[in-house]
Amino acid sequence: MPRVTAELRFGRGVPIGQNTVRSIMVELGLKGIPNQRPPKGAKMARATSLDLVRRNFHKPAPNQLWTGDITEHPTHEGKI
């Protein structure tokens, strides 16, 4: 419905409101295509980062390899 309204207003110069478009679409039985978002918390089958050390964490001397772990935890006051 928002895209139809935008097309009519800006693409074709028809002054029309969103509620009018909604009522016409309901009357004609038209529905928009919903967004195909993955469910919240869904695991995606893709790499999240590059494995630059090739899982080899053993080095012969100090300061040759630095790694880190960045994790966010949601709280009521924001992410930590």
PDB file of N, CA and C in Angstrom:
ATOM      1  N   MET A   1       0.789  -1.191   0.000  1.00  0.00           N
ATOM      2  CA  MET A   1       0.000   0.000   0.000  1.00  0.00           C
ATOM      3  C   MET A   1       0.848   1.280   0.000  1.00  0.00           C
ATOM      4  N   PRO A   2       1.931   1.362   0.766  1.00  0.00           N
ATOM      5  CA  PRO A   2       2.759   2.569   0.688  1.00  0.00           C
ATOM      6  C   PRO A   2       3.377   2.788  -0.692  1.00  0.00           C
ATOM      7  N   ARG A   3       3.748   1.709  -1.362  1.00  0.00           N
ATOM      8  CA  ARG A   3       4.353   1.857  -2.691  1.00  0.00           C
ATOM      9  C   ARG A   3       3.321   2.304  -3.724  1.00  0.00           C
ATOM     10  N   VAL A   4       2.108   1.801  -3.599  1.00  0.00           N
ATOM     11  CA  VAL A   4       1.040   2.223  -4.518  1.00  0.00           C
ATOM     12  C   VAL A   4       0.751   3.702  -4.317  1.00  0.00           C
ATOM     13  N   THR A   5       0.668   4.125  -3.056  1.00  0.00           N
ATOM     14  CA  THR A   5       0.431   5.534  -2.753  1.00  0.00           C
ATOM     15  C   THR A   5       1.551   6.409  -3.316  1.00  0.00           C
ATOM     16  N   ALA A   6       2.781   5.998  -3.117  1.00  0.00           N
ATOM     17  CA  ALA A   6       3.922   6.770  -3.631  1.00  0.00           C
ATOM     18  C   ALA A   6       3.904   6.842  -5.148  1.00  0.00           C
ATOM     19  N   GLU A   7       3.563   5.739  -5.813  1.00  0.00           N
ATOM     20  CA  GLU A   7       3.501   5.742  -7.275  1.00  0.00           C
ATOM     21  C   GLU A   7       2.413   6.694  -7.771  1.00  0.00           C
ATOM     22  N   LEU A   8       1.258   6.668  -7.112  1.00  0.00           N
ATOM     23  CA  LEU A   8       0.179   7.552  -7.534  1.00  0.00           C
ATOM     24  C   LEU A   8       0.530   9.014  -7.277  1.00  0.00           C
ATOM     25  N   ARG A   9       1.087   9.308  -6.109  1.00  0.00           N
ATOM     26  CA  ARG A   9       1.409  10.701  -5.755  1.00  0.00           C
ATOM     27  C   ARG A   9       2.537  11.262  -6.589  1.00  0.00           C
ATOM     28  N   PHE A  10       3.678  10.583  -6.551  1.00  0.00           N
ATOM     29  CA  PHE A  10       4.890  11.143  -7.151  1.00  0.00           C
ATOM     30  C   PHE A  10       5.106  10.701  -8.589  1.00  0.00           C
ATOM     31  N   GLY A  11       4.709   9.489  -8.917  1.00  0.00           N
ATOM     32  CA  GLY A  11       4.929   8.987 -10.270  1.00  0.00           C
ATOM     33  C   GLY A  11       3.902   9.482 -11.265  1.00  0.00           C
ATOM     34  N   ARG A  12       2.641   9.636 -10.784  1.00  0.00           N
ATOM     35  CA  ARG A  12       1.574  10.016 -11.706  1.00  0.00           C
ATOM     36  C   ARG A  12       0.899  11.333 -11.352  1.00  0.00           C
ATOM     37  N   GLY A  13       1.322  11.951 -10.257  1.00  0.00           N
ATOM     38  CA  GLY A  13       0.786  13.255  -9.896  1.00  0.00           C
ATOM     39  C   GLY A  13      -0.646  13.245  -9.397  1.00  0.00           C
ATOM     40  N   VAL A  14      -1.133  12.120  -8.897  1.00  0.00           N
ATOM     41  CA  VAL A  14      -2.502  12.020  -8.384  1.00  0.00           C
ATOM     42  C   VAL A  14      -2.490  12.351  -6.892  1.00  0.00           C
ATOM     43  N   PRO A  15      -3.193  13.404  -6.456  1.00  0.00           N
ATOM     44  CA  PRO A  15      -3.230  13.710  -5.025  1.00  0.00           C
ATOM     45  C   PRO A  15      -4.180  12.745  -4.311  1.00  0.00           C
ATOM     46  N   ILE A  16      -3.605  11.802  -3.572  1.00  0.00           N
ATOM     47  CA  ILE A  16      -4.410  10.768  -2.917  1.00  0.00           C
ATOM     48  C   ILE A  16      -3.775  10.432  -1.574  1.00  0.00           C
ATOM     49  N   GLY A  17      -4.586  10.073  -0.613  1.00  0.00           N
ATOM     50  CA  GLY A  17      -4.106   9.723   0.707  1.00  0.00           C
ATOM     51  C   GLY A  17      -3.922   8.226   0.872  1.00  0.00           C
ATOM     52  N   GLN A  18      -3.157   7.866   1.888  1.00  0.00           N
ATOM     53  CA  GLN A  18      -2.862   6.465   2.134  1.00  0.00           C
ATOM     54  C   GLN A  18      -4.122   5.690   2.545  1.00  0.00           C
ATOM     55  N   ASN A  19      -5.001   6.317   3.320  1.00  0.00           N
ATOM     56  CA  ASN A  19      -6.230   5.638   3.736  1.00  0.00           C
ATOM     57  C   ASN A  19      -7.155   5.370   2.556  1.00  0.00           C
ATOM     58  N   THR A  20      -7.180   6.273   1.600  1.00  0.00           N
ATOM     59  CA  THR A  20      -7.989   6.067   0.397  1.00  0.00           C
ATOM     60  C   THR A  20      -7.464   4.890  -0.403  1.00  0.00           C
ATOM     61  N   VAL A  21      -6.145   4.824  -0.551  1.00  0.00           N
ATOM     62  CA  VAL A  21      -5.533   3.701  -1.267  1.00  0.00           C
ATOM     63  C   VAL A  21      -5.833   2.397  -0.541  1.00  0.00           C
ATOM     64  N   ARG A  22      -5.747   2.411   0.797  1.00  0.00           N
ATOM     65  CA  ARG A  22      -6.029   1.213   1.582  1.00  0.00           C
ATOM     66  C   ARG A  22      -7.467   0.731   1.361  1.00  0.00           C
ATOM     67  N   SER A  23      -8.432   1.651   1.422  1.00  0.00           N
ATOM     68  CA  SER A  23      -9.829   1.248   1.264  1.00  0.00           C
ATOM     69  C   SER A  23     -10.117   0.734  -0.144  1.00  0.00           C
ATOM     70  N   ILE A  24      -9.510   1.344  -1.146  1.00  0.00           N
ATOM     71  CA  ILE A  24      -9.698   0.862  -2.528  1.00  0.00           C
ATOM     72  C   ILE A  24      -9.085  -0.528  -2.693  1.00  0.00           C
ATOM     73  N   MET A  25      -7.901  -0.738  -2.119  1.00  0.00           N
ATOM     74  CA  MET A  25      -7.257  -2.046  -2.234  1.00  0.00           C
ATOM     75  C   MET A  25      -8.071  -3.120  -1.514  1.00  0.00           C
ATOM     76  N   VAL A  26      -8.650  -2.789  -0.343  1.00  0.00           N
ATOM     77  CA  VAL A  26      -9.489  -3.757   0.384  1.00  0.00           C
ATOM     78  C   VAL A  26     -10.738  -4.072  -0.427  1.00  0.00           C
ATOM     79  N   GLU A  27     -11.321  -3.049  -1.017  1.00  0.00           N
ATOM     80  CA  GLU A  27     -12.533  -3.234  -1.822  1.00  0.00           C
ATOM     81  C   GLU A  27     -12.273  -4.129  -3.029  1.00  0.00           C
ATOM     82  N   LEU A  28     -11.107  -3.975  -3.641  1.00  0.00           N
ATOM     83  CA  LEU A  28     -10.767  -4.777  -4.815  1.00  0.00           C
ATOM     84  C   LEU A  28     -10.121  -6.117  -4.455  1.00  0.00           C
ATOM     85  N   GLY A  29      -9.826  -6.323  -3.173  1.00  0.00           N
ATOM     86  CA  GLY A  29      -9.211  -7.580  -2.747  1.00  0.00           C
ATOM     87  C   GLY A  29      -7.734  -7.657  -3.082  1.00  0.00           C
ATOM     88  N   LEU A  30      -7.067  -6.522  -3.160  1.00  0.00           N
ATOM     89  CA  LEU A  30      -5.646  -6.493  -3.488  1.00  0.00           C
ATOM     90  C   LEU A  30      -4.810  -6.454  -2.221  1.00  0.00           C
ATOM     91  N   LYS A  31      -3.703  -7.183  -2.233  1.00  0.00           N
ATOM     92  CA  LYS A  31      -2.774  -7.192  -1.104  1.00  0.00           C
ATOM     93  C   LYS A  31      -1.367  -7.039  -1.642  1.00  0.00           C
ATOM     94  N   GLY A  32      -0.530  -6.385  -0.858  1.00  0.00           N
ATOM     95  CA  GLY A  32       0.865  -6.239  -1.245  1.00  0.00           C
ATOM     96  C   GLY A  32       1.653  -7.493  -0.886  1.00  0.00           C
ATOM     97  N   ILE A  33       2.807  -7.619  -1.486  1.00  0.00           N
ATOM     98  CA  ILE A  33       3.692  -8.736  -1.164  1.00  0.00           C
ATOM     99  C   ILE A  33       4.390  -8.409   0.154  1.00  0.00           C
ATOM    100  N   PRO A  34       4.286  -9.288   1.164  1.00  0.00           N
ATOM    101  CA  PRO A  34       4.933  -8.987   2.445  1.00  0.00           C
ATOM    102  C   PRO A  34       6.450  -9.088   2.333  1.00  0.00           C
ATOM    103  N   ASN A  35       7.142  -8.387   3.232  1.00  0.00           N
ATOM    104  CA  ASN A  35       8.596  -8.488   3.283  1.00  0.00           C
ATOM    105  C   ASN A  35       8.980  -9.903   3.684  1.00  0.00           C
ATOM    106  N   GLN A  36       9.925 -10.467   3.004  1.00  0.00           N
ATOM    107  CA  GLN A  36      10.371 -11.827   3.303  1.00  0.00           C
ATOM    108  C   GLN A  36      11.585 -11.761   4.211  1.00  0.00           C
ATOM    109  N   ARG A  37      11.386 -11.364   5.467  1.00  0.00           N
ATOM    110  CA  ARG A  37      12.476 -11.302   6.422  1.00  0.00           C
ATOM    111  C   ARG A  37      12.628 -12.657   7.095  1.00  0.00           C
ATOM    112  N   PRO A  38      13.852 -13.016   7.426  1.00  0.00           N
ATOM    113  CA  PRO A  38      14.032 -14.254   8.185  1.00  0.00           C
ATOM    114  C   PRO A  38      13.485 -14.078   9.596  1.00  0.00           C
ATOM    115  N   PRO A  39      13.081 -15.159  10.248  1.00  0.00           N
ATOM    116  CA  PRO A  39      12.583 -15.041  11.618  1.00  0.00           C
ATOM    117  C   PRO A  39      13.641 -14.461  12.546  1.00  0.00           C
ATOM    118  N   LYS A  40      13.188 -13.764  13.588  1.00  0.00           N
ATOM    119  CA  LYS A  40      14.111 -13.148  14.530  1.00  0.00           C
ATOM    120  C   LYS A  40      14.941 -14.235  15.215  1.00  0.00           C
ATOM    121  N   GLY A  41      16.239 -14.069  15.218  1.00  0.00           N
ATOM    122  CA  GLY A  41      17.129 -15.044  15.834  1.00  0.00           C
ATOM    123  C   GLY A  41      17.513 -16.191  14.916  1.00  0.00           C
ATOM    124  N   ALA A  42      17.152 -16.114  13.638  1.00  0.00           N
ATOM    125  CA  ALA A  42      17.474 -17.200  12.711  1.00  0.00           C
ATOM    126  C   ALA A  42      18.971 -17.246  12.432  1.00  0.00           C
ATOM    127  N   LYS A  43      19.495 -18.416  12.348  1.00  0.00           N
ATOM    128  CA  LYS A  43      20.916 -18.594  12.026  1.00  0.00           C
ATOM    129  C   LYS A  43      21.066 -18.582  10.514  1.00  0.00           C
ATOM    130  N   MET A  44      21.958 -17.755  10.031  1.00  0.00           N
ATOM    131  CA  MET A  44      22.198 -17.676   8.599  1.00  0.00           C
ATOM    132  C   MET A  44      23.375 -18.572   8.246  1.00  0.00           C
ATOM    133  N   ALA A  45      23.286 -19.209   7.125  1.00  0.00           N
ATOM    134  CA  ALA A  45      24.335 -20.129   6.702  1.00  0.00           C
ATOM    135  C   ALA A  45      25.405 -19.380   5.916  1.00  0.00           C
ATOM    136  N   ARG A  46      26.122 -18.511   6.609  1.00  0.00           N
ATOM    137  CA  ARG A  46      27.208 -17.782   5.968  1.00  0.00           C
ATOM    138  C   ARG A  46      28.277 -17.476   7.014  1.00  0.00           C
ATOM    139  N   ALA A  47      29.472 -17.261   6.544  1.00  0.00           N
ATOM    140  CA  ALA A  47      30.573 -16.952   7.449  1.00  0.00           C
ATOM    141  C   ALA A  47      30.386 -15.553   8.003  1.00  0.00           C
ATOM    142  N   THR A  48      30.612 -15.390   9.295  1.00  0.00           N
ATOM    143  CA  THR A  48      30.453 -14.075   9.895  1.00  0.00           C
ATOM    144  C   THR A  48      31.740 -13.269   9.855  1.00  0.00           C
ATOM    145  N   SER A  49      32.881 -13.928   9.733  1.00  0.00           N
ATOM    146  CA  SER A  49      34.143 -13.213   9.621  1.00  0.00           C
ATOM    147  C   SER A  49      35.156 -14.112   8.910  1.00  0.00           C
ATOM    148  N   LEU A  50      36.209 -13.504   8.461  1.00  0.00           N
ATOM    149  CA  LEU A  50      37.254 -14.259   7.790  1.00  0.00           C
ATOM    150  C   LEU A  50      38.161 -14.935   8.811  1.00  0.00           C
ATOM    151  N   ASP A  51      38.605 -16.137   8.504  1.00  0.00           N
ATOM    152  CA  ASP A  51      39.523 -16.867   9.382  1.00  0.00           C
ATOM    153  C   ASP A  51      40.944 -16.538   8.942  1.00  0.00           C
ATOM    154  N   LEU A  52      41.452 -15.411   9.417  1.00  0.00           N
ATOM    155  CA  LEU A  52      42.753 -14.932   8.967  1.00  0.00           C
ATOM    156  C   LEU A  52      43.913 -15.721   9.556  1.00  0.00           C
ATOM    157  N   VAL A  53      43.704 -16.439  10.665  1.00  0.00           N
ATOM    158  CA  VAL A  53      44.791 -17.204  11.273  1.00  0.00           C
ATOM    159  C   VAL A  53      44.682 -18.696  10.962  1.00  0.00           C
ATOM    160  N   ARG A  54      43.684 -19.084  10.174  1.00  0.00           N
ATOM    161  CA  ARG A  54      43.467 -20.469   9.759  1.00  0.00           C
ATOM    162  C   ARG A  54      43.410 -21.428  10.959  1.00  0.00           C
ATOM    163  N   ARG A  55      42.798 -20.939  12.066  1.00  0.00           N
ATOM    164  CA  ARG A  55      42.596 -21.715  13.290  1.00  0.00           C
ATOM    165  C   ARG A  55      43.907 -22.161  13.926  1.00  0.00           C
ATOM    166  N   ASN A  56      45.015 -21.544  13.581  1.00  0.00           N
ATOM    167  CA  ASN A  56      46.312 -21.881  14.162  1.00  0.00           C
ATOM    168  C   ASN A  56      46.644 -20.816  15.214  1.00  0.00           C
ATOM    169  N   PHE A  57      46.357 -21.134  16.491  1.00  0.00           N
ATOM    170  CA  PHE A  57      46.550 -20.176  17.562  1.00  0.00           C
ATOM    171  C   PHE A  57      47.867 -20.373  18.316  1.00  0.00           C
ATOM    172  N   HIS A  58      48.715 -21.270  17.865  1.00  0.00           N
ATOM    173  CA  HIS A  58      49.978 -21.550  18.551  1.00  0.00           C
ATOM    174  C   HIS A  58      51.128 -20.879  17.801  1.00  0.00           C
ATOM    175  N   LYS A  59      51.770 -19.927  18.467  1.00  0.00           N
ATOM    176  CA  LYS A  59      52.903 -19.225  17.874  1.00  0.00           C
ATOM    177  C   LYS A  59      54.121 -19.417  18.766  1.00  0.00           C
ATOM    178  N   PRO A  60      55.322 -19.412  18.191  1.00  0.00           N
ATOM    179  CA  PRO A  60      56.525 -19.712  18.973  1.00  0.00           C
ATOM    180  C   PRO A  60      56.950 -18.611  19.941  1.00  0.00           C
ATOM    181  N   ALA A  61      56.496 -17.372  19.746  1.00  0.00           N
ATOM    182  CA  ALA A  61      56.932 -16.274  20.610  1.00  0.00           C
ATOM    183  C   ALA A  61      55.755 -15.337  20.882  1.00  0.00           C
ATOM    184  N   PRO A  62      55.850 -14.505  21.915  1.00  0.00           N
ATOM    185  CA  PRO A  62      54.777 -13.554  22.211  1.00  0.00           C
ATOM    186  C   PRO A  62      54.653 -12.468  21.134  1.00  0.00           C
ATOM    187  N   ASN A  63      53.514 -11.836  21.098  1.00  0.00           N
ATOM    188  CA  ASN A  63      53.206 -10.710  20.196  1.00  0.00           C
ATOM    189  C   ASN A  63      53.304 -11.049  18.715  1.00  0.00           C
ATOM    190  N   GLN A  64      53.089 -12.285  18.344  1.00  0.00           N
ATOM    191  CA  GLN A  64      53.059 -12.652  16.931  1.00  0.00           C
ATOM    192  C   GLN A  64      51.626 -12.836  16.430  1.00  0.00           C
ATOM    193  N   LEU A  65      50.713 -13.115  17.349  1.00  0.00           N
ATOM    194  CA  LEU A  65      49.316 -13.296  16.967  1.00  0.00           C
ATOM    195  C   LEU A  65      48.432 -12.700  18.052  1.00  0.00           C
ATOM    196  N   TRP A  66      47.530 -11.797  17.636  1.00  0.00           N
ATOM    197  CA  TRP A  66      46.598 -11.187  18.570  1.00  0.00           C
ATOM    198  C   TRP A  66      45.182 -11.577  18.143  1.00  0.00           C
ATOM    199  N   THR A  67      44.405 -12.028  19.083  1.00  0.00           N
ATOM    200  CA  THR A  67      43.008 -12.367  18.809  1.00  0.00           C
ATOM    201  C   THR A  67      42.129 -11.660  19.823  1.00  0.00           C
ATOM    202  N   GLY A  68      40.848 -11.628  19.554  1.00  0.00           N
ATOM    203  CA  GLY A  68      39.904 -11.000  20.473  1.00  0.00           C
ATOM    204  C   GLY A  68      38.528 -11.592  20.305  1.00  0.00           C
ATOM    205  N   ASP A  69      37.697 -11.382  21.299  1.00  0.00           N
ATOM    206  CA  ASP A  69      36.326 -11.862  21.254  1.00  0.00           C
ATOM    207  C   ASP A  69      35.419 -10.699  21.613  1.00  0.00           C
ATOM    208  N   ILE A  70      34.601 -10.313  20.671  1.00  0.00           N
ATOM    209  CA  ILE A  70      33.672  -9.209  20.908  1.00  0.00           C
ATOM    210  C   ILE A  70      32.270  -9.800  20.961  1.00  0.00           C
ATOM    211  N   THR A  71      31.640  -9.685  22.116  1.00  0.00           N
ATOM    212  CA  THR A  71      30.302 -10.215  22.314  1.00  0.00           C
ATOM    213  C   THR A  71      29.433  -9.128  22.919  1.00  0.00           C
ATOM    214  N   GLU A  72      28.205  -9.007  22.433  1.00  0.00           N
ATOM    215  CA  GLU A  72      27.262  -8.041  22.969  1.00  0.00           C
ATOM    216  C   GLU A  72      26.160  -8.777  23.712  1.00  0.00           C
ATOM    217  N   HIS A  73      25.779  -8.233  24.848  1.00  0.00           N
ATOM    218  CA  HIS A  73      24.688  -8.809  25.626  1.00  0.00           C
ATOM    219  C   HIS A  73      23.627  -7.736  25.834  1.00  0.00           C
ATOM    220  N   PRO A  74      22.386  -7.986  25.376  1.00  0.00           N
ATOM    221  CA  PRO A  74      21.342  -6.988  25.579  1.00  0.00           C
ATOM    222  C   PRO A  74      20.889  -6.946  27.039  1.00  0.00           C
ATOM    223  N   THR A  75      20.716  -5.749  27.576  1.00  0.00           N
ATOM    224  CA  THR A  75      20.199  -5.555  28.925  1.00  0.00           C
ATOM    225  C   THR A  75      19.078  -4.518  28.853  1.00  0.00           C
ATOM    226  N   HIS A  76      18.439  -4.242  29.977  1.00  0.00           N
ATOM    227  CA  HIS A  76      17.392  -3.231  30.001  1.00  0.00           C
ATOM    228  C   HIS A  76      17.945  -1.835  29.772  1.00  0.00           C
ATOM    229  N   GLU A  77      19.227  -1.636  30.036  1.00  0.00           N
ATOM    230  CA  GLU A  77      19.850  -0.327  29.875  1.00  0.00           C
ATOM    231  C   GLU A  77      20.580  -0.197  28.547  1.00  0.00           C
ATOM    232  N   GLY A  78      20.543  -1.194  27.717  1.00  0.00           N
ATOM    233  CA  GLY A  78      21.234  -1.175  26.433  1.00  0.00           C
ATOM    234  C   GLY A  78      22.206  -2.348  26.335  1.00  0.00           C
ATOM    235  N   LYS A  79      22.956  -2.390  25.266  1.00  0.00           N
ATOM    236  CA  LYS A  79      23.906  -3.482  25.056  1.00  0.00           C
ATOM    237  C   LYS A  79      25.184  -3.253  25.836  1.00  0.00           C
ATOM    238  N   ILE A  80      25.715  -4.334  26.373  1.00  0.00           N
ATOM    239  CA  ILE A  80      26.993  -4.284  27.086  1.00  0.00           C
ATOM    240  C   ILE A  80      28.029  -4.966  26.210  1.00  0.00           C
TER     241      ILE A  80
END
